[in-house]
């Protein structure tokens, strides 16, 4: 299965996602540049080994070196809200 290591950031204020759904900062979702919408991805914080499964529903991030933009709830689940940007490993569990 696809995946990799990179940095992840998070966002909590947006009106709509690239999938057309309203953005919900309390949903376990994330943005990725190329994974199919609806893909399920396990994200592991490399600093503390905490993980969360998210659904891709948006595009981004558009900052070099970052592969995922997590929702606020997803970043909270892996313990990265105070850091803002964290090193992660991600594994694609299922596509659409």
PDB file of N, CA and C in Angstrom:
ATOM      1  N   UNK A   1       0.836  -1.186   0.000  1.00  0.00           N
ATOM      2  CA  UNK A   1       0.000   0.000   0.000  1.00  0.00           C
ATOM      3  C   UNK A   1       0.878   1.244   0.000  1.00  0.00           C
ATOM      4  N   UNK A   2       0.357   2.303  -0.571  1.00  0.00           N
ATOM      5  CA  UNK A   2       1.104   3.548  -0.682  1.00  0.00           C
ATOM      6  C   UNK A   2       1.211   4.232   0.668  1.00  0.00           C
ATOM      7  N   UNK A   3       2.166   5.116   0.761  1.00  0.00           N
ATOM      8  CA  UNK A   3       2.358   5.886   1.980  1.00  0.00           C
ATOM      9  C   UNK A   3       3.712   6.535   1.946  1.00  0.00           C
ATOM     10  N   UNK A   4       4.156   7.030   3.078  1.00  0.00           N
ATOM     11  CA  UNK A   4       5.457   7.657   3.130  1.00  0.00           C
ATOM     12  C   UNK A   4       5.670   8.407   4.420  1.00  0.00           C
ATOM     13  N   UNK A   5       6.809   9.088   4.474  1.00  0.00           N
ATOM     14  CA  UNK A   5       7.163   9.929   5.615  1.00  0.00           C
ATOM     15  C   UNK A   5       7.260  11.364   5.141  1.00  0.00           C
ATOM     16  N   UNK A   6       6.794  12.286   5.968  1.00  0.00           N
ATOM     17  CA  UNK A   6       6.857  13.704   5.621  1.00  0.00           C
ATOM     18  C   UNK A   6       6.428  14.511   6.841  1.00  0.00           C
ATOM     19  N   UNK A   7       6.104  15.764   6.623  1.00  0.00           N
ATOM     20  CA  UNK A   7       5.567  16.607   7.682  1.00  0.00           C
ATOM     21  C   UNK A   7       4.089  16.846   7.418  1.00  0.00           C
ATOM     22  N   UNK A   8       3.331  16.936   8.499  1.00  0.00           N
ATOM     23  CA  UNK A   8       1.902  17.237   8.394  1.00  0.00           C
ATOM     24  C   UNK A   8       1.604  18.481   9.207  1.00  0.00           C
ATOM     25  N   UNK A   9       0.707  19.279   8.682  1.00  0.00           N
ATOM     26  CA  UNK A   9       0.218  20.461   9.385  1.00  0.00           C
ATOM     27  C   UNK A   9      -1.280  20.265   9.603  1.00  0.00           C
ATOM     28  N   UNK A  10      -1.941  21.288  10.122  1.00  0.00           N
ATOM     29  CA  UNK A  10      -3.389  21.172  10.292  1.00  0.00           C
ATOM     30  C   UNK A  10      -4.061  22.494  10.022  1.00  0.00           C
ATOM     31  N   UNK A  11      -5.347  22.410   9.780  1.00  0.00           N
ATOM     32  CA  UNK A  11      -6.134  23.619   9.557  1.00  0.00           C
ATOM     33  C   UNK A  11      -7.492  23.462  10.215  1.00  0.00           C
ATOM     34  N   UNK A  12      -8.043  24.573  10.644  1.00  0.00           N
ATOM     35  CA  UNK A  12      -9.295  24.523  11.371  1.00  0.00           C
ATOM     36  C   UNK A  12     -10.324  25.504  10.859  1.00  0.00           C
ATOM     37  N   UNK A  13      -9.974  26.282   9.855  1.00  0.00           N
ATOM     38  CA  UNK A  13     -10.920  27.270   9.341  1.00  0.00           C
ATOM     39  C   UNK A  13     -10.944  27.204   7.828  1.00  0.00           C
ATOM     40  N   UNK A  14     -12.045  26.774   7.307  1.00  0.00           N
ATOM     41  CA  UNK A  14     -12.253  26.705   5.869  1.00  0.00           C
ATOM     42  C   UNK A  14     -13.752  26.610   5.654  1.00  0.00           C
ATOM     43  N   UNK A  15     -14.222  26.949   4.490  1.00  0.00           N
ATOM     44  CA  UNK A  15     -15.656  26.885   4.265  1.00  0.00           C
ATOM     45  C   UNK A  15     -16.071  25.600   3.560  1.00  0.00           C
ATOM     46  N   UNK A  16     -15.318  25.212   2.564  1.00  0.00           N
ATOM     47  CA  UNK A  16     -15.657  24.009   1.808  1.00  0.00           C
ATOM     48  C   UNK A  16     -14.392  23.248   1.467  1.00  0.00           C
ATOM     49  N   UNK A  17     -14.552  21.975   1.191  1.00  0.00           N
ATOM     50  CA  UNK A  17     -13.416  21.142   0.807  1.00  0.00           C
ATOM     51  C   UNK A  17     -13.441  20.917  -0.701  1.00  0.00           C
ATOM     52  N   UNK A  18     -12.361  20.403  -1.235  1.00  0.00           N
ATOM     53  CA  UNK A  18     -12.295  20.111  -2.667  1.00  0.00           C
ATOM     54  C   UNK A  18     -13.283  19.024  -3.077  1.00  0.00           C
ATOM     55  N   UNK A  19     -13.740  18.223  -2.110  1.00  0.00           N
ATOM     56  CA  UNK A  19     -14.734  17.185  -2.412  1.00  0.00           C
ATOM     57  C   UNK A  19     -16.139  17.772  -2.540  1.00  0.00           C
ATOM     58  N   UNK A  20     -16.291  19.037  -2.148  1.00  0.00           N
ATOM     59  CA  UNK A  20     -17.594  19.689  -2.194  1.00  0.00           C
ATOM     60  C   UNK A  20     -18.326  19.673  -0.866  1.00  0.00           C
ATOM     61  N   UNK A  21     -17.833  18.891   0.085  1.00  0.00           N
ATOM     62  CA  UNK A  21     -18.459  18.823   1.410  1.00  0.00           C
ATOM     63  C   UNK A  21     -18.033  20.022   2.245  1.00  0.00           C
ATOM     64  N   UNK A  22     -18.885  20.474   3.151  1.00  0.00           N
ATOM     65  CA  UNK A  22     -18.468  21.541   4.065  1.00  0.00           C
ATOM     66  C   UNK A  22     -17.304  21.064   4.931  1.00  0.00           C
ATOM     67  N   UNK A  23     -16.390  21.958   5.265  1.00  0.00           N
ATOM     68  CA  UNK A  23     -15.272  21.601   6.128  1.00  0.00           C
ATOM     69  C   UNK A  23     -15.747  21.508   7.573  1.00  0.00           C
ATOM     70  N   UNK A  24     -15.383  20.416   8.249  1.00  0.00           N
ATOM     71  CA  UNK A  24     -15.729  20.215   9.653  1.00  0.00           C
ATOM     72  C   UNK A  24     -14.432  19.973  10.421  1.00  0.00           C
ATOM     73  N   UNK A  25     -13.953  20.943  11.199  1.00  0.00           N
ATOM     74  CA  UNK A  25     -12.689  20.769  11.918  1.00  0.00           C
ATOM     75  C   UNK A  25     -12.732  19.656  12.953  1.00  0.00           C
ATOM     76  N   UNK A  26     -13.934  19.202  13.337  1.00  0.00           N
ATOM     77  CA  UNK A  26     -14.046  18.132  14.328  1.00  0.00           C
ATOM     78  C   UNK A  26     -14.208  16.744  13.706  1.00  0.00           C
ATOM     79  N   UNK A  27     -14.196  16.661  12.387  1.00  0.00           N
ATOM     80  CA  UNK A  27     -14.225  15.361  11.706  1.00  0.00           C
ATOM     81  C   UNK A  27     -12.789  14.875  11.519  1.00  0.00           C
ATOM     82  N   UNK A  28     -12.616  13.575  11.433  1.00  0.00           N
ATOM     83  CA  UNK A  28     -11.273  13.006  11.223  1.00  0.00           C
ATOM     84  C   UNK A  28     -11.007  12.936   9.728  1.00  0.00           C
ATOM     85  N   UNK A  29     -10.563  14.083   9.185  1.00  0.00           N
ATOM     86  CA  UNK A  29     -10.333  14.214   7.755  1.00  0.00           C
ATOM     87  C   UNK A  29      -8.959  14.836   7.510  1.00  0.00           C
ATOM     88  N   UNK A  30      -8.554  14.825   6.225  1.00  0.00           N
ATOM     89  CA  UNK A  30      -7.268  15.406   5.856  1.00  0.00           C
ATOM     90  C   UNK A  30      -7.272  15.799   4.385  1.00  0.00           C
ATOM     91  N   UNK A  31      -6.315  16.640   4.045  1.00  0.00           N
ATOM     92  CA  UNK A  31      -6.082  17.026   2.658  1.00  0.00           C
ATOM     93  C   UNK A  31      -4.784  16.377   2.194  1.00  0.00           C
ATOM     94  N   UNK A  32      -4.781  15.908   0.949  1.00  0.00           N
ATOM     95  CA  UNK A  32      -3.596  15.348   0.306  1.00  0.00           C
ATOM     96  C   UNK A  32      -3.631  15.804  -1.145  1.00  0.00           C
ATOM     97  N   UNK A  33      -2.475  15.994  -1.762  1.00  0.00           N
ATOM     98  CA  UNK A  33      -2.443  16.526  -3.124  1.00  0.00           C
ATOM     99  C   UNK A  33      -3.008  15.569  -4.167  1.00  0.00           C
ATOM    100  N   UNK A  34      -2.777  14.252  -4.030  1.00  0.00           N
ATOM    101  CA  UNK A  34      -3.106  13.344  -5.129  1.00  0.00           C
ATOM    102  C   UNK A  34      -3.939  12.121  -4.760  1.00  0.00           C
ATOM    103  N   UNK A  35      -4.015  11.728  -3.501  1.00  0.00           N
ATOM    104  CA  UNK A  35      -4.791  10.534  -3.152  1.00  0.00           C
ATOM    105  C   UNK A  35      -6.258  10.732  -3.527  1.00  0.00           C
ATOM    106  N   UNK A  36      -6.925   9.668  -3.957  1.00  0.00           N
ATOM    107  CA  UNK A  36      -8.342   9.803  -4.320  1.00  0.00           C
ATOM    108  C   UNK A  36      -9.188  10.268  -3.134  1.00  0.00           C
ATOM    109  N   UNK A  37     -10.170  11.090  -3.427  1.00  0.00           N
ATOM    110  CA  UNK A  37     -11.110  11.521  -2.404  1.00  0.00           C
ATOM    111  C   UNK A  37     -11.770  10.292  -1.799  1.00  0.00           C
ATOM    112  N   UNK A  38     -11.909  10.282  -0.497  1.00  0.00           N
ATOM    113  CA  UNK A  38     -12.511   9.163   0.196  1.00  0.00           C
ATOM    114  C   UNK A  38     -11.523   8.117   0.676  1.00  0.00           C
ATOM    115  N   UNK A  39     -10.259   8.225   0.274  1.00  0.00           N
ATOM    116  CA  UNK A  39      -9.248   7.277   0.744  1.00  0.00           C
ATOM    117  C   UNK A  39      -9.139   7.343   2.252  1.00  0.00           C
ATOM    118  N   UNK A  40      -8.939   6.191   2.883  1.00  0.00           N
ATOM    119  CA  UNK A  40      -8.700   6.135   4.325  1.00  0.00           C
ATOM    120  C   UNK A  40      -7.210   5.981   4.541  1.00  0.00           C
ATOM    121  N   UNK A  41      -6.670   6.786   5.450  1.00  0.00           N
ATOM    122  CA  UNK A  41      -5.222   6.846   5.664  1.00  0.00           C
ATOM    123  C   UNK A  41      -4.926   6.821   7.160  1.00  0.00           C
ATOM    124  N   UNK A  42      -4.004   5.942   7.568  1.00  0.00           N
ATOM    125  CA  UNK A  42      -3.530   5.956   8.956  1.00  0.00           C
ATOM    126  C   UNK A  42      -2.351   6.922   9.010  1.00  0.00           C
ATOM    127  N   UNK A  43      -2.416   7.862   9.946  1.00  0.00           N
ATOM    128  CA  UNK A  43      -1.365   8.861  10.141  1.00  0.00           C
ATOM    129  C   UNK A  43      -0.737   8.612  11.507  1.00  0.00           C
ATOM    130  N   UNK A  44       0.590   8.453  11.536  1.00  0.00           N
ATOM    131  CA  UNK A  44       1.311   8.174  12.774  1.00  0.00           C
ATOM    132  C   UNK A  44       2.270   9.316  13.067  1.00  0.00           C
ATOM    133  N   UNK A  45       2.116   9.925  14.234  1.00  0.00           N
ATOM    134  CA  UNK A  45       3.016  10.980  14.685  1.00  0.00           C
ATOM    135  C   UNK A  45       4.337  10.311  15.059  1.00  0.00           C
ATOM    136  N   UNK A  46       5.408  10.630  14.359  1.00  0.00           N
ATOM    137  CA  UNK A  46       6.700   9.982  14.589  1.00  0.00           C
ATOM    138  C   UNK A  46       7.337  10.412  15.911  1.00  0.00           C
ATOM    139  N   UNK A  47       6.852  11.471  16.519  1.00  0.00           N
ATOM    140  CA  UNK A  47       7.409  11.945  17.784  1.00  0.00           C
ATOM    141  C   UNK A  47       6.868  11.194  18.995  1.00  0.00           C
ATOM    142  N   UNK A  48       5.624  10.648  18.869  1.00  0.00           N
ATOM    143  CA  UNK A  48       5.030   9.994  20.037  1.00  0.00           C
ATOM    144  C   UNK A  48       4.318   8.676  19.719  1.00  0.00           C
ATOM    145  N   UNK A  49       4.327   8.267  18.453  1.00  0.00           N
ATOM    146  CA  UNK A  49       3.725   7.014  17.977  1.00  0.00           C
ATOM    147  C   UNK A  49       2.198   6.984  18.064  1.00  0.00           C
ATOM    148  N   UNK A  50       1.553   8.099  18.365  1.00  0.00           N
ATOM    149  CA  UNK A  50       0.082   8.139  18.357  1.00  0.00           C
ATOM    150  C   UNK A  50      -0.395   8.142  16.913  1.00  0.00           C
ATOM    151  N   UNK A  51      -1.532   7.484  16.671  1.00  0.00           N
ATOM    152  CA  UNK A  51      -2.029   7.406  15.302  1.00  0.00           C
ATOM    153  C   UNK A  51      -3.533   7.680  15.238  1.00  0.00           C
ATOM    154  N   UNK A  52      -3.980   7.986  14.038  1.00  0.00           N
ATOM    155  CA  UNK A  52      -5.391   8.240  13.768  1.00  0.00           C
ATOM    156  C   UNK A  52      -5.664   7.822  12.324  1.00  0.00           C
ATOM    157  N   UNK A  53      -6.886   7.382  12.060  1.00  0.00           N
ATOM    158  CA  UNK A  53      -7.297   7.086  10.689  1.00  0.00           C
ATOM    159  C   UNK A  53      -8.175   8.235  10.219  1.00  0.00           C
ATOM    160  N   UNK A  54      -7.811   8.800   9.066  1.00  0.00           N
ATOM    161  CA  UNK A  54      -8.543   9.930   8.496  1.00  0.00           C
ATOM    162  C   UNK A  54      -9.072   9.568   7.115  1.00  0.00           C
ATOM    163  N   UNK A  55     -10.022  10.362   6.659  1.00  0.00           N
ATOM    164  CA  UNK A  55     -10.554  10.227   5.301  1.00  0.00           C
ATOM    165  C   UNK A  55     -10.103  11.449   4.512  1.00  0.00           C
ATOM    166  N   UNK A  56      -9.567  11.220   3.315  1.00  0.00           N
ATOM    167  CA  UNK A  56      -9.136  12.336   2.463  1.00  0.00           C
ATOM    168  C   UNK A  56     -10.375  12.966   1.825  1.00  0.00           C
ATOM    169  N   UNK A  57     -10.548  14.271   2.072  1.00  0.00           N
ATOM    170  CA  UNK A  57     -11.694  14.974   1.488  1.00  0.00           C
ATOM    171  C   UNK A  57     -11.330  16.352   0.952  1.00  0.00           C
ATOM    172  N   UNK A  58     -10.020  16.626   0.866  1.00  0.00           N
ATOM    173  CA  UNK A  58      -9.593  17.950   0.410  1.00  0.00           C
ATOM    174  C   UNK A  58      -8.243  17.839  -0.286  1.00  0.00           C
ATOM    175  N   UNK A  59      -7.824  18.913  -0.930  1.00  0.00           N
ATOM    176  CA  UNK A  59      -6.527  18.974  -1.605  1.00  0.00           C
ATOM    177  C   UNK A  59      -5.599  19.904  -0.851  1.00  0.00           C
ATOM    178  N   UNK A  60      -4.325  19.584  -0.875  1.00  0.00           N
ATOM    179  CA  UNK A  60      -3.307  20.339  -0.181  1.00  0.00           C
ATOM    180  C   UNK A  60      -2.421  19.362   0.545  1.00  0.00           C
ATOM    181  N   UNK A  61      -1.529  19.783   1.348  1.00  0.00           N
ATOM    182  CA  UNK A  61      -1.090  21.168   1.532  1.00  0.00           C
ATOM    183  C   UNK A  61      -0.217  21.609   0.360  1.00  0.00           C
ATOM    184  N   UNK A  62      -0.048  22.870   0.228  1.00  0.00           N
ATOM    185  CA  UNK A  62       0.724  23.404  -0.881  1.00  0.00           C
ATOM    186  C   UNK A  62       2.010  24.056  -0.400  1.00  0.00           C
ATOM    187  N   UNK A  63       2.546  23.533   0.698  1.00  0.00           N
ATOM    188  CA  UNK A  63       3.820  23.971   1.261  1.00  0.00           C
ATOM    189  C   UNK A  63       4.827  22.850   1.007  1.00  0.00           C
ATOM    190  N   UNK A  64       5.974  23.142   0.406  1.00  0.00           N
ATOM    191  CA  UNK A  64       6.968  22.089   0.137  1.00  0.00           C
ATOM    192  C   UNK A  64       7.343  21.316   1.398  1.00  0.00           C
ATOM    193  N   UNK A  65       7.459  19.989   1.254  1.00  0.00           N
ATOM    194  CA  UNK A  65       7.851  19.132   2.359  1.00  0.00           C
ATOM    195  C   UNK A  65       6.699  18.593   3.176  1.00  0.00           C
ATOM    196  N   UNK A  66       5.522  19.147   3.000  1.00  0.00           N
ATOM    197  CA  UNK A  66       4.350  18.669   3.738  1.00  0.00           C
ATOM    198  C   UNK A  66       3.488  17.818   2.820  1.00  0.00           C
ATOM    199  N   UNK A  67       2.995  16.709   3.353  1.00  0.00           N
ATOM    200  CA  UNK A  67       2.183  15.809   2.534  1.00  0.00           C
ATOM    201  C   UNK A  67       0.724  15.794   2.950  1.00  0.00           C
ATOM    202  N   UNK A  68       0.430  16.191   4.182  1.00  0.00           N
ATOM    203  CA  UNK A  68      -0.946  16.151   4.683  1.00  0.00           C
ATOM    204  C   UNK A  68      -1.273  17.417   5.454  1.00  0.00           C
ATOM    205  N   UNK A  69      -2.505  17.863   5.303  1.00  0.00           N
ATOM    206  CA  UNK A  69      -3.096  18.878   6.162  1.00  0.00           C
ATOM    207  C   UNK A  69      -4.215  18.165   6.907  1.00  0.00           C
ATOM    208  N   UNK A  70      -4.062  18.019   8.196  1.00  0.00           N
ATOM    209  CA  UNK A  70      -5.052  17.320   9.012  1.00  0.00           C
ATOM    210  C   UNK A  70      -6.108  18.291   9.530  1.00  0.00           C
ATOM    211  N   UNK A  71      -7.289  17.781   9.788  1.00  0.00           N
ATOM    212  CA  UNK A  71      -8.299  18.594  10.478  1.00  0.00           C
ATOM    213  C   UNK A  71      -7.807  18.819  11.908  1.00  0.00           C
ATOM    214  N   UNK A  72      -8.400  19.772  12.588  1.00  0.00           N
ATOM    215  CA  UNK A  72      -8.033  20.038  13.981  1.00  0.00           C
ATOM    216  C   UNK A  72      -8.208  18.788  14.837  1.00  0.00           C
ATOM    217  N   UNK A  73      -9.331  18.072  14.659  1.00  0.00           N
ATOM    218  CA  UNK A  73      -9.590  16.865  15.453  1.00  0.00           C
ATOM    219  C   UNK A  73      -8.545  15.791  15.200  1.00  0.00           C
ATOM    220  N   UNK A  74      -8.135  15.617  13.944  1.00  0.00           N
ATOM    221  CA  UNK A  74      -7.128  14.604  13.623  1.00  0.00           C
ATOM    222  C   UNK A  74      -5.775  14.972  14.226  1.00  0.00           C
ATOM    223  N   UNK A  75      -5.409  16.241  14.154  1.00  0.00           N
ATOM    224  CA  UNK A  75      -4.128  16.669  14.739  1.00  0.00           C
ATOM    225  C   UNK A  75      -4.172  16.521  16.253  1.00  0.00           C
ATOM    226  N   UNK A  76      -5.308  16.831  16.851  1.00  0.00           N
ATOM    227  CA  UNK A  76      -5.458  16.651  18.295  1.00  0.00           C
ATOM    228  C   UNK A  76      -5.291  15.174  18.669  1.00  0.00           C
ATOM    229  N   UNK A  77      -5.848  14.279  17.853  1.00  0.00           N
ATOM    230  CA  UNK A  77      -5.788  12.844  18.133  1.00  0.00           C
ATOM    231  C   UNK A  77      -4.354  12.313  18.145  1.00  0.00           C
ATOM    232  N   UNK A  78      -3.480  12.902  17.332  1.00  0.00           N
ATOM    233  CA  UNK A  78      -2.081  12.446  17.313  1.00  0.00           C
ATOM    234  C   UNK A  78      -1.172  13.314  18.180  1.00  0.00           C
ATOM    235  N   UNK A  79      -1.752  14.268  18.893  1.00  0.00           N
ATOM    236  CA  UNK A  79      -0.980  15.069  19.843  1.00  0.00           C
ATOM    237  C   UNK A  79      -0.077  16.101  19.221  1.00  0.00           C
ATOM    238  N   UNK A  80      -0.516  16.714  18.103  1.00  0.00           N
ATOM    239  CA  UNK A  80       0.352  17.671  17.429  1.00  0.00           C
ATOM    240  C   UNK A  80      -0.130  19.096  17.379  1.00  0.00           C
ATOM    241  N   UNK A  81      -1.257  19.412  18.039  1.00  0.00           N
ATOM    242  CA  UNK A  81      -1.830  20.763  17.928  1.00  0.00           C
ATOM    243  C   UNK A  81      -0.869  21.835  18.429  1.00  0.00           C
ATOM    244  N   UNK A  82      -0.181  21.591  19.521  1.00  0.00           N
ATOM    245  CA  UNK A  82       0.735  22.606  20.053  1.00  0.00           C
ATOM    246  C   UNK A  82       1.947  22.823  19.152  1.00  0.00           C
ATOM    247  N   UNK A  83       2.357  21.785  18.434  1.00  0.00           N
ATOM    248  CA  UNK A  83       3.513  21.893  17.536  1.00  0.00           C
ATOM    249  C   UNK A  83       3.157  22.580  16.228  1.00  0.00           C
ATOM    250  N   UNK A  84       1.972  22.313  15.712  1.00  0.00           N
ATOM    251  CA  UNK A  84       1.546  22.908  14.444  1.00  0.00           C
ATOM    252  C   UNK A  84       1.967  22.106  13.232  1.00  0.00           C
ATOM    253  N   UNK A  85       3.217  21.677  13.196  1.00  0.00           N
ATOM    254  CA  UNK A  85       3.745  20.847  12.113  1.00  0.00           C
ATOM    255  C   UNK A  85       4.483  19.694  12.777  1.00  0.00           C
ATOM    256  N   UNK A  86       4.185  18.462  12.340  1.00  0.00           N
ATOM    257  CA  UNK A  86       4.785  17.291  12.973  1.00  0.00           C
ATOM    258  C   UNK A  86       5.323  16.322  11.925  1.00  0.00           C
ATOM    259  N   UNK A  87       6.336  15.541  12.280  1.00  0.00           N
ATOM    260  CA  UNK A  87       6.801  14.483  11.374  1.00  0.00           C
ATOM    261  C   UNK A  87       5.836  13.302  11.458  1.00  0.00           C
ATOM    262  N   UNK A  88       5.418  12.792  10.302  1.00  0.00           N
ATOM    263  CA  UNK A  88       4.469  11.680  10.282  1.00  0.00           C
ATOM    264  C   UNK A  88       4.904  10.599   9.300  1.00  0.00           C
ATOM    265  N   UNK A  89       4.361   9.422   9.540  1.00  0.00           N
ATOM    266  CA  UNK A  89       4.374   8.346   8.554  1.00  0.00           C
ATOM    267  C   UNK A  89       2.906   8.111   8.243  1.00  0.00           C
ATOM    268  N   UNK A  90       2.596   7.909   6.974  1.00  0.00           N
ATOM    269  CA  UNK A  90       1.206   7.628   6.642  1.00  0.00           C
ATOM    270  C   UNK A  90       1.113   6.391   5.764  1.00  0.00           C
ATOM    271  N   UNK A  91      -0.004   5.673   5.942  1.00  0.00           N
ATOM    272  CA  UNK A  91      -0.257   4.434   5.218  1.00  0.00           C
ATOM    273  C   UNK A  91      -1.670   4.505   4.635  1.00  0.00           C
ATOM    274  N   UNK A  92      -1.786   4.285   3.358  1.00  0.00           N
ATOM    275  CA  UNK A  92      -3.107   4.272   2.737  1.00  0.00           C
ATOM    276  C   UNK A  92      -3.754   2.918   3.040  1.00  0.00           C
ATOM    277  N   UNK A  93      -4.910   2.949   3.685  1.00  0.00           N
ATOM    278  CA  UNK A  93      -5.621   1.729   4.067  1.00  0.00           C
ATOM    279  C   UNK A  93      -6.598   1.286   2.980  1.00  0.00           C
ATOM    280  N   UNK A  94      -7.273   2.226   2.374  1.00  0.00           N
ATOM    281  CA  UNK A  94      -8.258   1.884   1.350  1.00  0.00           C
ATOM    282  C   UNK A  94      -8.551   3.097   0.483  1.00  0.00           C
ATOM    283  N   UNK A  95      -8.736   2.841  -0.778  1.00  0.00           N
ATOM    284  CA  UNK A  95      -9.149   3.887  -1.694  1.00  0.00           C
ATOM    285  C   UNK A  95     -10.642   3.773  -1.944  1.00  0.00           C
ATOM    286  N   UNK A  96     -11.119   4.563  -2.852  1.00  0.00           N
ATOM    287  CA  UNK A  96     -12.550   4.532  -3.166  1.00  0.00           C
ATOM    288  C   UNK A  96     -12.792   3.611  -4.326  1.00  0.00           C
TER     289      UNK A  96
END
